[in-house]
Amino acid sequence: MNMLAKAIAAWGSPLPDWIKALAEACDDTSLRKTAARMDVSPAMVSLAINRKRLYLSFIKVRVEKRLMITMVVCPILGVMGRNECLQEQARPFSSANPLRVQLFKACRNGCPYYKECKK
């Protein structure tokens, strides 16, 4: 049984958008790869899809930010893809590069797309 079918069995129809996105991501790649993309354990993804956990707000936020949003607005670079945003965040800091300094400050001062924000 695929993850989308499991989600429908557990949550009923219509599925919440974020659960549908999570289940489809698991079906497209794998549960383990989707969990790694979300920075959670595979067990947590399975618990969310199978509706076995009462409080799921933290994983809902991660699904919405990492799987559902495809475009983001960066205060420094403008409109960009979510993957581009994550690539910029992964680049090393350099105090010699003014753009890197601006990005470093903008990302860490309340940007909702910053990957280290654990909301």
PDB file of N, CA and C in Angstrom:
ATOM      1  N   MET A   1       0.860  -1.182   0.000  1.00  0.00           N
ATOM      2  CA  MET A   1       0.000   0.000   0.000  1.00  0.00           C
ATOM      3  C   MET A   1       0.900   1.236   0.000  1.00  0.00           C
ATOM      4  N   ASN A   2       0.605   2.168  -0.895  1.00  0.00           N
ATOM      5  CA  ASN A   2       1.426   3.373  -0.943  1.00  0.00           C
ATOM      6  C   ASN A   2       1.026   4.345   0.174  1.00  0.00           C
ATOM      7  N   MET A   3       1.855   5.354   0.376  1.00  0.00           N
ATOM      8  CA  MET A   3       1.642   6.283   1.491  1.00  0.00           C
ATOM      9  C   MET A   3       0.378   7.125   1.334  1.00  0.00           C
ATOM     10  N   LEU A   4       0.044   7.483   0.102  1.00  0.00           N
ATOM     11  CA  LEU A   4      -1.173   8.269  -0.115  1.00  0.00           C
ATOM     12  C   LEU A   4      -2.397   7.463   0.293  1.00  0.00           C
ATOM     13  N   ALA A   5      -2.426   6.197  -0.035  1.00  0.00           N
ATOM     14  CA  ALA A   5      -3.541   5.332   0.353  1.00  0.00           C
ATOM     15  C   ALA A   5      -3.598   5.183   1.873  1.00  0.00           C
ATOM     16  N   LYS A   6      -2.434   5.060   2.511  1.00  0.00           N
ATOM     17  CA  LYS A   6      -2.397   4.971   3.972  1.00  0.00           C
ATOM     18  C   LYS A   6      -2.916   6.251   4.612  1.00  0.00           C
ATOM     19  N   ALA A   7      -2.545   7.390   4.032  1.00  0.00           N
ATOM     20  CA  ALA A   7      -3.002   8.679   4.564  1.00  0.00           C
ATOM     21  C   ALA A   7      -4.515   8.815   4.443  1.00  0.00           C
ATOM     22  N   ILE A   8      -5.057   8.416   3.315  1.00  0.00           N
ATOM     23  CA  ILE A   8      -6.514   8.491   3.122  1.00  0.00           C
ATOM     24  C   ILE A   8      -7.221   7.577   4.105  1.00  0.00           C
ATOM     25  N   ALA A   9      -6.672   6.392   4.331  1.00  0.00           N
ATOM     26  CA  ALA A   9      -7.271   5.455   5.284  1.00  0.00           C
ATOM     27  C   ALA A   9      -7.251   6.024   6.704  1.00  0.00           C
ATOM     28  N   ALA A  10      -6.184   6.710   7.053  1.00  0.00           N
ATOM     29  CA  ALA A  10      -6.055   7.241   8.412  1.00  0.00           C
ATOM     30  C   ALA A  10      -6.782   8.562   8.609  1.00  0.00           C
ATOM     31  N   TRP A  11      -6.700   9.454   7.642  1.00  0.00           N
ATOM     32  CA  TRP A  11      -7.240  10.810   7.789  1.00  0.00           C
ATOM     33  C   TRP A  11      -8.617  10.978   7.165  1.00  0.00           C
ATOM     34  N   GLY A  12      -8.997  10.107   6.264  1.00  0.00           N
ATOM     35  CA  GLY A  12     -10.260  10.272   5.561  1.00  0.00           C
ATOM     36  C   GLY A  12     -10.087  11.213   4.382  1.00  0.00           C
ATOM     37  N   SER A  13     -11.172  11.390   3.664  1.00  0.00           N
ATOM     38  CA  SER A  13     -11.124  12.257   2.494  1.00  0.00           C
ATOM     39  C   SER A  13     -12.066  13.433   2.708  1.00  0.00           C
ATOM     40  N   PRO A  14     -11.706  14.639   2.391  1.00  0.00           N
ATOM     41  CA  PRO A  14     -10.464  15.063   1.762  1.00  0.00           C
ATOM     42  C   PRO A  14      -9.321  15.146   2.781  1.00  0.00           C
ATOM     43  N   LEU A  15      -8.125  14.880   2.298  1.00  0.00           N
ATOM     44  CA  LEU A  15      -6.934  14.954   3.131  1.00  0.00           C
ATOM     45  C   LEU A  15      -6.554  16.411   3.384  1.00  0.00           C
ATOM     46  N   PRO A  16      -5.982  16.699   4.552  1.00  0.00           N
ATOM     47  CA  PRO A  16      -5.377  18.026   4.727  1.00  0.00           C
ATOM     48  C   PRO A  16      -4.268  18.191   3.674  1.00  0.00           C
ATOM     49  N   ASP A  17      -4.113  19.399   3.156  1.00  0.00           N
ATOM     50  CA  ASP A  17      -3.139  19.646   2.091  1.00  0.00           C
ATOM     51  C   ASP A  17      -1.734  19.203   2.464  1.00  0.00           C
ATOM     52  N   TRP A  18      -1.347  19.463   3.706  1.00  0.00           N
ATOM     53  CA  TRP A  18       0.030  19.159   4.104  1.00  0.00           C
ATOM     54  C   TRP A  18       0.270  17.658   4.211  1.00  0.00           C
ATOM     55  N   ILE A  19      -0.747  16.911   4.628  1.00  0.00           N
ATOM     56  CA  ILE A  19      -0.618  15.445   4.694  1.00  0.00           C
ATOM     57  C   ILE A  19      -0.530  14.876   3.279  1.00  0.00           C
ATOM     58  N   LYS A  20      -1.335  15.415   2.376  1.00  0.00           N
ATOM     59  CA  LYS A  20      -1.287  14.966   0.987  1.00  0.00           C
ATOM     60  C   LYS A  20       0.096  15.228   0.391  1.00  0.00           C
ATOM     61  N   ALA A  21       0.656  16.407   0.641  1.00  0.00           N
ATOM     62  CA  ALA A  21       1.984  16.740   0.130  1.00  0.00           C
ATOM     63  C   ALA A  21       3.045  15.803   0.715  1.00  0.00           C
ATOM     64  N   LEU A  22       2.929  15.507   1.994  1.00  0.00           N
ATOM     65  CA  LEU A  22       3.886  14.620   2.656  1.00  0.00           C
ATOM     66  C   LEU A  22       3.799  13.203   2.085  1.00  0.00           C
ATOM     67  N   ALA A  23       2.603  12.687   1.945  1.00  0.00           N
ATOM     68  CA  ALA A  23       2.410  11.332   1.420  1.00  0.00           C
ATOM     69  C   ALA A  23       2.886  11.232  -0.032  1.00  0.00           C
ATOM     70  N   GLU A  24       2.583  12.246  -0.827  1.00  0.00           N
ATOM     71  CA  GLU A  24       3.016  12.231  -2.227  1.00  0.00           C
ATOM     72  C   GLU A  24       4.537  12.302  -2.329  1.00  0.00           C
ATOM     73  N   ALA A  25       5.166  13.082  -1.449  1.00  0.00           N
ATOM     74  CA  ALA A  25       6.628  13.156  -1.447  1.00  0.00           C
ATOM     75  C   ALA A  25       7.229  11.795  -1.114  1.00  0.00           C
ATOM     76  N   CYS A  26       6.631  11.098  -0.167  1.00  0.00           N
ATOM     77  CA  CYS A  26       7.107   9.744   0.187  1.00  0.00           C
ATOM     78  C   CYS A  26       6.933   8.791  -0.979  1.00  0.00           C
ATOM     79  N   ASP A  27       5.810   8.887  -1.666  1.00  0.00           N
ATOM     80  CA  ASP A  27       5.568   8.012  -2.814  1.00  0.00           C
ATOM     81  C   ASP A  27       6.503   8.340  -3.979  1.00  0.00           C
ATOM     82  N   ASP A  28       6.848   9.625  -4.148  1.00  0.00           N
ATOM     83  CA  ASP A  28       7.737  10.034  -5.239  1.00  0.00           C
ATOM     84  C   ASP A  28       9.171   9.577  -5.018  1.00  0.00           C
ATOM     85  N   THR A  29       9.651   9.676  -3.784  1.00  0.00           N
ATOM     86  CA  THR A  29      11.038   9.281  -3.502  1.00  0.00           C
ATOM     87  C   THR A  29      11.019   8.070  -2.575  1.00  0.00           C
ATOM     88  N   SER A  30      11.022   8.324  -1.296  1.00  0.00           N
ATOM     89  CA  SER A  30      10.887   7.273  -0.293  1.00  0.00           C
ATOM     90  C   SER A  30      10.597   7.950   1.036  1.00  0.00           C
ATOM     91  N   LEU A  31      10.132   7.174   1.982  1.00  0.00           N
ATOM     92  CA  LEU A  31       9.848   7.701   3.310  1.00  0.00           C
ATOM     93  C   LEU A  31      11.135   8.222   3.947  1.00  0.00           C
ATOM     94  N   ARG A  32      12.201   7.474   3.808  1.00  0.00           N
ATOM     95  CA  ARG A  32      13.484   7.849   4.422  1.00  0.00           C
ATOM     96  C   ARG A  32      14.033   9.147   3.830  1.00  0.00           C
ATOM     97  N   LYS A  33      13.977   9.295   2.512  1.00  0.00           N
ATOM     98  CA  LYS A  33      14.471  10.519   1.866  1.00  0.00           C
ATOM     99  C   LYS A  33      13.600  11.716   2.214  1.00  0.00           C
ATOM    100  N   THR A  34      12.298  11.517   2.280  1.00  0.00           N
ATOM    101  CA  THR A  34      11.395  12.603   2.660  1.00  0.00           C
ATOM    102  C   THR A  34      11.655  13.029   4.097  1.00  0.00           C
ATOM    103  N   ALA A  35      11.860  12.067   4.978  1.00  0.00           N
ATOM    104  CA  ALA A  35      12.154  12.381   6.378  1.00  0.00           C
ATOM    105  C   ALA A  35      13.452  13.175   6.488  1.00  0.00           C
ATOM    106  N   ALA A  36      14.460  12.793   5.723  1.00  0.00           N
ATOM    107  CA  ALA A  36      15.734  13.512   5.747  1.00  0.00           C
ATOM    108  C   ALA A  36      15.550  14.943   5.252  1.00  0.00           C
ATOM    109  N   ARG A  37      14.730  15.113   4.235  1.00  0.00           N
ATOM    110  CA  ARG A  37      14.445  16.458   3.715  1.00  0.00           C
ATOM    111  C   ARG A  37      13.732  17.316   4.754  1.00  0.00           C
ATOM    112  N   MET A  38      12.951  16.665   5.610  1.00  0.00           N
ATOM    113  CA  MET A  38      12.197  17.385   6.640  1.00  0.00           C
ATOM    114  C   MET A  38      12.989  17.535   7.940  1.00  0.00           C
ATOM    115  N   ASP A  39      14.148  16.889   8.034  1.00  0.00           N
ATOM    116  CA  ASP A  39      14.964  16.870   9.256  1.00  0.00           C
ATOM    117  C   ASP A  39      14.216  16.245  10.427  1.00  0.00           C
ATOM    118  N   VAL A  40      13.507  15.167  10.141  1.00  0.00           N
ATOM    119  CA  VAL A  40      12.829  14.393  11.182  1.00  0.00           C
ATOM    120  C   VAL A  40      13.122  12.915  10.921  1.00  0.00           C
ATOM    121  N   SER A  41      12.761  12.073  11.856  1.00  0.00           N
ATOM    122  CA  SER A  41      12.988  10.642  11.674  1.00  0.00           C
ATOM    123  C   SER A  41      11.921  10.052  10.735  1.00  0.00           C
ATOM    124  N   PRO A  42      12.254   8.961  10.069  1.00  0.00           N
ATOM    125  CA  PRO A  42      11.250   8.284   9.248  1.00  0.00           C
ATOM    126  C   PRO A  42      10.031   7.862  10.069  1.00  0.00           C
ATOM    127  N   ALA A  43      10.266   7.510  11.316  1.00  0.00           N
ATOM    128  CA  ALA A  43       9.144   7.123  12.183  1.00  0.00           C
ATOM    129  C   ALA A  43       8.166   8.287  12.372  1.00  0.00           C
ATOM    130  N   MET A  44       8.690   9.497  12.502  1.00  0.00           N
ATOM    131  CA  MET A  44       7.819  10.659  12.693  1.00  0.00           C
ATOM    132  C   MET A  44       6.971  10.917  11.453  1.00  0.00           C
ATOM    133  N   VAL A  45       7.552  10.736  10.272  1.00  0.00           N
ATOM    134  CA  VAL A  45       6.784  10.896   9.030  1.00  0.00           C
ATOM    135  C   VAL A  45       5.681   9.845   8.974  1.00  0.00           C
ATOM    136  N   SER A  46       6.022   8.617   9.314  1.00  0.00           N
ATOM    137  CA  SER A  46       5.039   7.538   9.316  1.00  0.00           C
ATOM    138  C   SER A  46       3.917   7.811  10.323  1.00  0.00           C
ATOM    139  N   LEU A  47       4.276   8.296  11.488  1.00  0.00           N
ATOM    140  CA  LEU A  47       3.263   8.615  12.504  1.00  0.00           C
ATOM    141  C   LEU A  47       2.319   9.709  12.019  1.00  0.00           C
ATOM    142  N   ALA A  48       2.855  10.699  11.326  1.00  0.00           N
ATOM    143  CA  ALA A  48       2.018  11.786  10.806  1.00  0.00           C
ATOM    144  C   ALA A  48       1.068  11.270   9.728  1.00  0.00           C
ATOM    145  N   ILE A  49       1.591  10.488   8.799  1.00  0.00           N
ATOM    146  CA  ILE A  49       0.761   9.971   7.708  1.00  0.00           C
ATOM    147  C   ILE A  49      -0.322   9.041   8.246  1.00  0.00           C
ATOM    148  N   ASN A  50       0.029   8.233   9.226  1.00  0.00           N
ATOM    149  CA  ASN A  50      -0.927   7.280   9.789  1.00  0.00           C
ATOM    150  C   ASN A  50      -1.765   7.850  10.930  1.00  0.00           C
ATOM    151  N   ARG A  51      -1.588   9.131  11.196  1.00  0.00           N
ATOM    152  CA  ARG A  51      -2.354   9.858  12.220  1.00  0.00           C
ATOM    153  C   ARG A  51      -2.274   9.173  13.587  1.00  0.00           C
ATOM    154  N   LYS A  52      -1.060   8.813  13.963  1.00  0.00           N
ATOM    155  CA  LYS A  52      -0.841   8.100  15.220  1.00  0.00           C
ATOM    156  C   LYS A  52      -0.292   9.007  16.315  1.00  0.00           C
ATOM    157  N   ARG A  53      -0.242  10.288  16.046  1.00  0.00           N
ATOM    158  CA  ARG A  53       0.306  11.220  17.020  1.00  0.00           C
ATOM    159  C   ARG A  53      -0.661  12.375  17.175  1.00  0.00           C
ATOM    160  N   LEU A  54      -0.849  12.845  18.388  1.00  0.00           N
ATOM    161  CA  LEU A  54      -1.826  13.892  18.654  1.00  0.00           C
ATOM    162  C   LEU A  54      -1.344  15.261  18.199  1.00  0.00           C
ATOM    163  N   TYR A  55      -0.110  15.604  18.526  1.00  0.00           N
ATOM    164  CA  TYR A  55       0.408  16.933  18.211  1.00  0.00           C
ATOM    165  C   TYR A  55       1.342  16.855  17.013  1.00  0.00           C
ATOM    166  N   LEU A  56       0.896  17.402  15.895  1.00  0.00           N
ATOM    167  CA  LEU A  56       1.664  17.332  14.665  1.00  0.00           C
ATOM    168  C   LEU A  56       1.988  18.717  14.102  1.00  0.00           C
ATOM    169  N   SER A  57       1.772  19.764  14.890  1.00  0.00           N
ATOM    170  CA  SER A  57       1.954  21.116  14.369  1.00  0.00           C
ATOM    171  C   SER A  57       3.393  21.389  13.924  1.00  0.00           C
ATOM    172  N   PHE A  58       4.386  20.835  14.627  1.00  0.00           N
ATOM    173  CA  PHE A  58       5.772  21.097  14.248  1.00  0.00           C
ATOM    174  C   PHE A  58       6.117  20.478  12.904  1.00  0.00           C
ATOM    175  N   ILE A  59       5.601  19.288  12.619  1.00  0.00           N
ATOM    176  CA  ILE A  59       5.900  18.666  11.326  1.00  0.00           C
ATOM    177  C   ILE A  59       5.052  19.306  10.228  1.00  0.00           C
ATOM    178  N   LYS A  60       3.877  19.789  10.578  1.00  0.00           N
ATOM    179  CA  LYS A  60       3.039  20.493   9.600  1.00  0.00           C
ATOM    180  C   LYS A  60       3.774  21.732   9.088  1.00  0.00           C
ATOM    181  N   VAL A  61       4.388  22.479   9.988  1.00  0.00           N
ATOM    182  CA  VAL A  61       5.137  23.676   9.595  1.00  0.00           C
ATOM    183  C   VAL A  61       6.287  23.299   8.667  1.00  0.00           C
ATOM    184  N   ARG A  62       6.979  22.229   8.985  1.00  0.00           N
ATOM    185  CA  ARG A  62       8.102  21.792   8.142  1.00  0.00           C
ATOM    186  C   ARG A  62       7.626  21.355   6.759  1.00  0.00           C
ATOM    187  N   VAL A  63       6.522  20.644   6.708  1.00  0.00           N
ATOM    188  CA  VAL A  63       5.983  20.209   5.410  1.00  0.00           C
ATOM    189  C   VAL A  63       5.611  21.434   4.588  1.00  0.00           C
ATOM    190  N   GLU A  64       4.926  22.383   5.207  1.00  0.00           N
ATOM    191  CA  GLU A  64       4.516  23.582   4.472  1.00  0.00           C
ATOM    192  C   GLU A  64       5.714  24.366   3.964  1.00  0.00           C
ATOM    193  N   LYS A  65       6.751  24.479   4.775  1.00  0.00           N
ATOM    194  CA  LYS A  65       7.923  25.264   4.372  1.00  0.00           C
ATOM    195  C   LYS A  65       8.821  24.527   3.388  1.00  0.00           C
ATOM    196  N   ARG A  66       8.952  23.220   3.531  1.00  0.00           N
ATOM    197  CA  ARG A  66       9.938  22.497   2.727  1.00  0.00           C
ATOM    198  C   ARG A  66       9.363  21.755   1.529  1.00  0.00           C
ATOM    199  N   LEU A  67       8.091  21.427   1.578  1.00  0.00           N
ATOM    200  CA  LEU A  67       7.511  20.673   0.463  1.00  0.00           C
ATOM    201  C   LEU A  67       6.481  21.464  -0.327  1.00  0.00           C
ATOM    202  N   MET A  68       5.762  22.343   0.336  1.00  0.00           N
ATOM    203  CA  MET A  68       4.653  23.001  -0.337  1.00  0.00           C
ATOM    204  C   MET A  68       5.028  24.353  -0.943  1.00  0.00           C
ATOM    205  N   ILE A  69       5.949  25.056  -0.344  1.00  0.00           N
ATOM    206  CA  ILE A  69       6.348  26.361  -0.861  1.00  0.00           C
ATOM    207  C   ILE A  69       7.437  26.139  -1.896  1.00  0.00           C
ATOM    208  N   THR A  70       7.197  26.577  -3.113  1.00  0.00           N
ATOM    209  CA  THR A  70       8.197  26.407  -4.146  1.00  0.00           C
ATOM    210  C   THR A  70       8.951  27.701  -4.433  1.00  0.00           C
ATOM    211  N   MET A  71       8.350  28.841  -4.156  1.00  0.00           N
ATOM    212  CA  MET A  71       8.990  30.134  -4.368  1.00  0.00           C
ATOM    213  C   MET A  71       8.988  30.905  -3.052  1.00  0.00           C
ATOM    214  N   VAL A  72      10.078  31.600  -2.787  1.00  0.00           N
ATOM    215  CA  VAL A  72      10.182  32.416  -1.581  1.00  0.00           C
ATOM    216  C   VAL A  72      10.674  33.812  -1.973  1.00  0.00           C
ATOM    217  N   VAL A  73      10.431  34.768  -1.097  1.00  0.00           N
ATOM    218  CA  VAL A  73      10.901  36.122  -1.334  1.00  0.00           C
ATOM    219  C   VAL A  73      12.030  36.405  -0.356  1.00  0.00           C
ATOM    220  N   CYS A  74      13.216  36.538  -0.895  1.00  0.00           N
ATOM    221  CA  CYS A  74      14.404  36.845  -0.094  1.00  0.00           C
ATOM    222  C   CYS A  74      14.541  38.362  -0.038  1.00  0.00           C
ATOM    223  N   PRO A  75      14.758  38.936   1.153  1.00  0.00           N
ATOM    224  CA  PRO A  75      14.902  40.389   1.231  1.00  0.00           C
ATOM    225  C   PRO A  75      16.171  40.902   0.538  1.00  0.00           C
ATOM    226  N   ILE A  76      17.105  40.026   0.281  1.00  0.00           N
ATOM    227  CA  ILE A  76      18.359  40.424  -0.361  1.00  0.00           C
ATOM    228  C   ILE A  76      18.372  40.076  -1.846  1.00  0.00           C
ATOM    229  N   LEU A  77      17.989  38.847  -2.195  1.00  0.00           N
ATOM    230  CA  LEU A  77      18.081  38.377  -3.574  1.00  0.00           C
ATOM    231  C   LEU A  77      16.765  38.434  -4.343  1.00  0.00           C
ATOM    232  N   GLY A  78      15.669  38.720  -3.679  1.00  0.00           N
ATOM    233  CA  GLY A  78      14.375  38.794  -4.344  1.00  0.00           C
ATOM    234  C   GLY A  78      13.700  37.431  -4.428  1.00  0.00           C
ATOM    235  N   VAL A  79      12.819  37.265  -5.399  1.00  0.00           N
ATOM    236  CA  VAL A  79      12.064  36.021  -5.566  1.00  0.00           C
ATOM    237  C   VAL A  79      13.003  34.932  -6.078  1.00  0.00           C
ATOM    238  N   MET A  80      12.940  33.792  -5.406  1.00  0.00           N
ATOM    239  CA  MET A  80      13.799  32.666  -5.782  1.00  0.00           C
ATOM    240  C   MET A  80      13.105  31.365  -5.425  1.00  0.00           C
ATOM    241  N   GLY A  81      13.579  30.281  -5.994  1.00  0.00           N
ATOM    242  CA  GLY A  81      13.049  28.965  -5.665  1.00  0.00           C
ATOM    243  C   GLY A  81      13.475  28.551  -4.266  1.00  0.00           C
ATOM    244  N   ARG A  82      12.685  27.697  -3.629  1.00  0.00           N
ATOM    245  CA  ARG A  82      12.993  27.232  -2.282  1.00  0.00           C
ATOM    246  C   ARG A  82      14.332  26.495  -2.258  1.00  0.00           C
ATOM    247  N   ASN A  83      14.616  25.713  -3.288  1.00  0.00           N
ATOM    248  CA  ASN A  83      15.886  24.999  -3.336  1.00  0.00           C
ATOM    249  C   ASN A  83      17.064  25.966  -3.449  1.00  0.00           C
ATOM    250  N   GLU A  84      16.896  27.038  -4.232  1.00  0.00           N
ATOM    251  CA  GLU A  84      17.942  28.064  -4.318  1.00  0.00           C
ATOM    252  C   GLU A  84      18.200  28.687  -2.956  1.00  0.00           C
ATOM    253  N   CYS A  85      17.122  28.948  -2.232  1.00  0.00           N
ATOM    254  CA  CYS A  85      17.215  29.525  -0.890  1.00  0.00           C
ATOM    255  C   CYS A  85      18.043  28.603   0.014  1.00  0.00           C
ATOM    256  N   LEU A  86      17.742  27.314  -0.008  1.00  0.00           N
ATOM    257  CA  LEU A  86      18.483  26.361   0.815  1.00  0.00           C
ATOM    258  C   LEU A  86      19.950  26.272   0.397  1.00  0.00           C
ATOM    259  N   GLN A  87      20.213  26.386  -0.900  1.00  0.00           N
ATOM    260  CA  GLN A  87      21.599  26.366  -1.379  1.00  0.00           C
ATOM    261  C   GLN A  87      22.356  27.598  -0.896  1.00  0.00           C
ATOM    262  N   GLU A  88      21.701  28.747  -0.913  1.00  0.00           N
ATOM    263  CA  GLU A  88      22.337  29.967  -0.420  1.00  0.00           C
ATOM    264  C   GLU A  88      22.647  29.852   1.071  1.00  0.00           C
ATOM    265  N   GLN A  89      21.733  29.275   1.814  1.00  0.00           N
ATOM    266  CA  GLN A  89      21.951  29.103   3.250  1.00  0.00           C
ATOM    267  C   GLN A  89      23.130  28.168   3.527  1.00  0.00           C
ATOM    268  N   ALA A  90      23.356  27.217   2.645  1.00  0.00           N
ATOM    269  CA  ALA A  90      24.421  26.232   2.845  1.00  0.00           C
ATOM    270  C   ALA A  90      25.804  26.772   2.488  1.00  0.00           C
ATOM    271  N   ARG A  91      25.832  27.865   1.744  1.00  0.00           N
ATOM    272  CA  ARG A  91      27.129  28.427   1.360  1.00  0.00           C
ATOM    273  C   ARG A  91      27.847  28.978   2.586  1.00  0.00           C
ATOM    274  N   PRO A  92      29.161  28.897   2.622  1.00  0.00           N
ATOM    275  CA  PRO A  92      29.907  29.366   3.802  1.00  0.00           C
ATOM    276  C   PRO A  92      29.870  30.884   3.946  1.00  0.00           C
ATOM    277  N   PHE A  93      29.940  31.333   5.171  1.00  0.00           N
ATOM    278  CA  PHE A  93      29.976  32.757   5.468  1.00  0.00           C
ATOM    279  C   PHE A  93      31.339  33.323   5.094  1.00  0.00           C
ATOM    280  N   SER A  94      31.333  34.530   4.554  1.00  0.00           N
ATOM    281  CA  SER A  94      32.576  35.222   4.243  1.00  0.00           C
ATOM    282  C   SER A  94      32.399  36.696   4.576  1.00  0.00           C
ATOM    283  N   SER A  95      33.174  37.182   5.515  1.00  0.00           N
ATOM    284  CA  SER A  95      33.072  38.599   5.889  1.00  0.00           C
ATOM    285  C   SER A  95      33.679  39.496   4.812  1.00  0.00           C
ATOM    286  N   ALA A  96      34.416  38.927   3.866  1.00  0.00           N
ATOM    287  CA  ALA A  96      35.007  39.699   2.779  1.00  0.00           C
ATOM    288  C   ALA A  96      34.005  39.978   1.657  1.00  0.00           C
ATOM    289  N   ASN A  97      32.897  39.252   1.657  1.00  0.00           N
ATOM    290  CA  ASN A  97      31.899  39.413   0.609  1.00  0.00           C
ATOM    291  C   ASN A  97      30.672  40.112   1.208  1.00  0.00           C
ATOM    292  N   PRO A  98      30.394  41.363   0.807  1.00  0.00           N
ATOM    293  CA  PRO A  98      29.266  42.111   1.383  1.00  0.00           C
ATOM    294  C   PRO A  98      27.909  41.423   1.188  1.00  0.00           C
ATOM    295  N   LEU A  99      27.733  40.757   0.051  1.00  0.00           N
ATOM    296  CA  LEU A  99      26.468  40.054  -0.193  1.00  0.00           C
ATOM    297  C   LEU A  99      26.298  38.893   0.784  1.00  0.00           C
ATOM    298  N   ARG A 100      27.361  38.136   1.051  1.00  0.00           N
ATOM    299  CA  ARG A 100      27.288  37.031   2.009  1.00  0.00           C
ATOM    300  C   ARG A 100      26.962  37.547   3.409  1.00  0.00           C
ATOM    301  N   VAL A 101      27.509  38.709   3.768  1.00  0.00           N
ATOM    302  CA  VAL A 101      27.223  39.309   5.081  1.00  0.00           C
ATOM    303  C   VAL A 101      25.747  39.691   5.161  1.00  0.00           C
ATOM    304  N   GLN A 102      25.227  40.321   4.114  1.00  0.00           N
ATOM    305  CA  GLN A 102      23.807  40.705   4.092  1.00  0.00           C
ATOM    306  C   GLN A 102      22.913  39.473   4.190  1.00  0.00           C
ATOM    307  N   LEU A 103      23.238  38.440   3.442  1.00  0.00           N
ATOM    308  CA  LEU A 103      22.447  37.209   3.478  1.00  0.00           C
ATOM    309  C   LEU A 103      22.517  36.552   4.849  1.00  0.00           C
ATOM    310  N   PHE A 104      23.694  36.512   5.427  1.00  0.00           N
ATOM    311  CA  PHE A 104      23.875  35.917   6.747  1.00  0.00           C
ATOM    312  C   PHE A 104      22.962  36.602   7.761  1.00  0.00           C
ATOM    313  N   LYS A 105      22.966  37.928   7.745  1.00  0.00           N
ATOM    314  CA  LYS A 105      22.145  38.694   8.694  1.00  0.00           C
ATOM    315  C   LYS A 105      20.657  38.515   8.409  1.00  0.00           C
ATOM    316  N   ALA A 106      20.274  38.594   7.130  1.00  0.00           N
ATOM    317  CA  ALA A 106      18.860  38.491   6.774  1.00  0.00           C
ATOM    318  C   ALA A 106      18.297  37.110   7.114  1.00  0.00           C
ATOM    319  N   CYS A 107      19.054  36.072   6.836  1.00  0.00           N
ATOM    320  CA  CYS A 107      18.587  34.711   7.105  1.00  0.00           C
ATOM    321  C   CYS A 107      18.367  34.479   8.597  1.00  0.00           C
ATOM    322  N   ARG A 108      19.292  34.941   9.394  1.00  0.00           N
ATOM    323  CA  ARG A 108      19.266  34.625  10.820  1.00  0.00           C
ATOM    324  C   ARG A 108      18.467  35.608  11.670  1.00  0.00           C
ATOM    325  N   ASN A 109      17.956  36.649  11.050  1.00  0.00           N
ATOM    326  CA  ASN A 109      17.183  37.638  11.809  1.00  0.00           C
ATOM    327  C   ASN A 109      15.704  37.567  11.486  1.00  0.00           C
ATOM    328  N   GLY A 110      15.151  36.379  11.601  1.00  0.00           N
ATOM    329  CA  GLY A 110      13.704  36.223  11.497  1.00  0.00           C
ATOM    330  C   GLY A 110      13.166  35.771  10.162  1.00  0.00           C
ATOM    331  N   CYS A 111      14.011  35.377   9.229  1.00  0.00           N
ATOM    332  CA  CYS A 111      13.503  34.877   7.953  1.00  0.00           C
ATOM    333  C   CYS A 111      12.728  33.582   8.197  1.00  0.00           C
ATOM    334  N   PRO A 112      11.475  33.506   7.759  1.00  0.00           N
ATOM    335  CA  PRO A 112      10.682  32.296   8.006  1.00  0.00           C
ATOM    336  C   PRO A 112      11.157  31.083   7.213  1.00  0.00           C
ATOM    337  N   TYR A 113      12.028  31.282   6.239  1.00  0.00           N
ATOM    338  CA  TYR A 113      12.500  30.172   5.421  1.00  0.00           C
ATOM    339  C   TYR A 113      13.880  29.672   5.852  1.00  0.00           C
ATOM    340  N   TYR A 114      14.443  30.277   6.875  1.00  0.00           N
ATOM    341  CA  TYR A 114      15.763  29.865   7.338  1.00  0.00           C
ATOM    342  C   TYR A 114      15.664  28.466   7.908  1.00  0.00           C
ATOM    343  N   LYS A 115      16.499  27.536   7.432  1.00  0.00           N
ATOM    344  CA  LYS A 115      16.381  26.126   7.782  1.00  0.00           C
ATOM    345  C   LYS A 115      16.650  25.831   9.247  1.00  0.00           C
ATOM    346  N   GLU A 116      17.345  26.704   9.940  1.00  0.00           N
ATOM    347  CA  GLU A 116      17.642  26.458  11.351  1.00  0.00           C
ATOM    348  C   GLU A 116      16.497  26.860  12.287  1.00  0.00           C
ATOM    349  N   CYS A 117      15.476  27.529  11.732  1.00  0.00           N
ATOM    350  CA  CYS A 117      14.328  27.904  12.563  1.00  0.00           C
ATOM    351  C   CYS A 117      13.551  26.644  12.894  1.00  0.00           C
ATOM    352  N   LYS A 118      13.525  26.276  14.138  1.00  0.00           N
ATOM    353  CA  LYS A 118      12.838  25.058  14.564  1.00  0.00           C
ATOM    354  C   LYS A 118      11.516  25.440  15.201  1.00  0.00           C
ATOM    355  N   LYS A 119      10.542  25.733  14.355  1.00  0.00           N
ATOM    356  CA  LYS A 119       9.229  26.147  14.864  1.00  0.00           C
ATOM    357  C   LYS A 119       8.275  25.004  14.866  1.00  0.00           C
TER     358      LYS A 119
END
